[in-house]
């Protein structure tokens, strides 16, 4: 029997106070997957990244505090 290996990623949407933009990051990554001028744009990108994922996306407020987690 062959096992099917599936790589699943979680993403975070957070505000970068230094560069003053919204960042979508893959958990565990040091670099941004995408930088956006609005939170809505960042959320849309994160949703596309996790559309086939069993995990979802974690959203943070502009001040960095946790806001919500959305599972797909």
Protein backbone atom coordinates (compact mmCIF):
# COMPACT_ATOMS: atom_id res chain seq x y z
CA UNK A 1 0.00 0.00 0.00
CA UNK A 2 1.24 3.44 -0.89
CA UNK A 3 0.61 6.31 1.43
CA UNK A 4 -0.41 9.59 -0.06
CA UNK A 5 1.58 12.45 1.38
CA UNK A 6 -0.18 15.75 1.49
CA UNK A 7 1.51 19.02 2.35
CA UNK A 8 -0.91 21.39 4.04
CA UNK A 9 -0.12 24.95 5.02
CA UNK A 10 -1.66 27.43 7.38
CA UNK A 11 -1.56 31.13 6.57
CA UNK A 12 -1.67 34.25 8.72
CA UNK A 13 -2.91 37.72 7.81
CA UNK A 14 -1.31 40.46 9.89
CA UNK A 15 -0.41 44.13 9.74
CA UNK A 16 3.22 45.22 9.33
CA UNK A 17 3.58 48.40 11.39
CA UNK A 18 7.00 49.23 9.91
CA UNK A 19 6.04 49.02 6.22
CA UNK A 20 2.40 49.97 6.93
CA UNK A 21 0.79 47.22 4.87
CA UNK A 22 -1.02 43.90 5.33
CA UNK A 23 1.03 40.72 5.07
CA UNK A 24 -0.01 37.16 4.20
CA UNK A 25 2.50 34.68 5.60
CA UNK A 26 2.70 30.93 5.49
CA UNK A 27 3.14 29.66 9.06
CA UNK A 28 6.79 28.99 9.78
CA UNK A 29 7.98 31.24 6.97
CA UNK A 30 10.06 34.35 7.53
CA UNK A 31 9.08 35.97 4.23
CA UNK A 32 5.69 37.25 3.17
CA UNK A 33 3.76 35.31 0.55
CA UNK A 34 2.14 38.62 -0.42
CA UNK A 35 1.93 42.22 0.79
CA UNK A 36 -1.32 44.13 0.33
CA UNK A 37 -2.47 47.70 0.89
CA UNK A 38 -5.80 46.62 2.42
CA UNK A 39 -6.83 43.88 4.82
CA UNK A 40 -9.62 42.80 2.46
CA UNK A 41 -7.11 42.20 -0.35
CA UNK A 42 -4.91 40.17 2.01
CA UNK A 43 -7.88 38.07 3.16
CA UNK A 44 -8.86 37.28 -0.44
CA UNK A 45 -5.32 36.14 -1.25
CA UNK A 46 -5.13 34.00 1.90
CA UNK A 47 -8.47 32.35 1.02
CA UNK A 48 -7.13 31.42 -2.42
CA UNK A 49 -4.01 29.93 -0.84
CA UNK A 50 -6.00 27.74 1.54
CA UNK A 51 -8.94 26.79 -0.70
CA UNK A 52 -7.95 23.11 -0.84
CA UNK A 53 -6.54 23.04 2.65
CA UNK A 54 -8.09 21.34 5.66
CA UNK A 55 -6.50 24.11 7.71
CA UNK A 56 -7.60 27.69 7.49
CA UNK A 57 -6.31 31.16 7.94
CA UNK A 58 -5.59 33.11 11.12
CA UNK A 59 -6.47 36.80 11.10
CA UNK A 60 -4.96 39.46 13.34
CA UNK A 61 -6.07 43.00 14.09
CA UNK A 62 -3.99 45.99 13.07
CA UNK A 63 -2.45 46.13 16.55
CA UNK A 64 -1.31 42.50 16.22
CA UNK A 65 -3.88 40.91 18.52
CA UNK A 66 -5.65 37.73 17.39
CA UNK A 67 -8.97 38.39 15.67
CA UNK A 68 -10.32 35.08 14.34
CA UNK A 69 -9.53 31.79 12.68
CA UNK A 70 -11.37 30.58 9.59
CA UNK A 71 -11.34 26.92 8.63
CA UNK A 72 -12.08 25.87 5.07
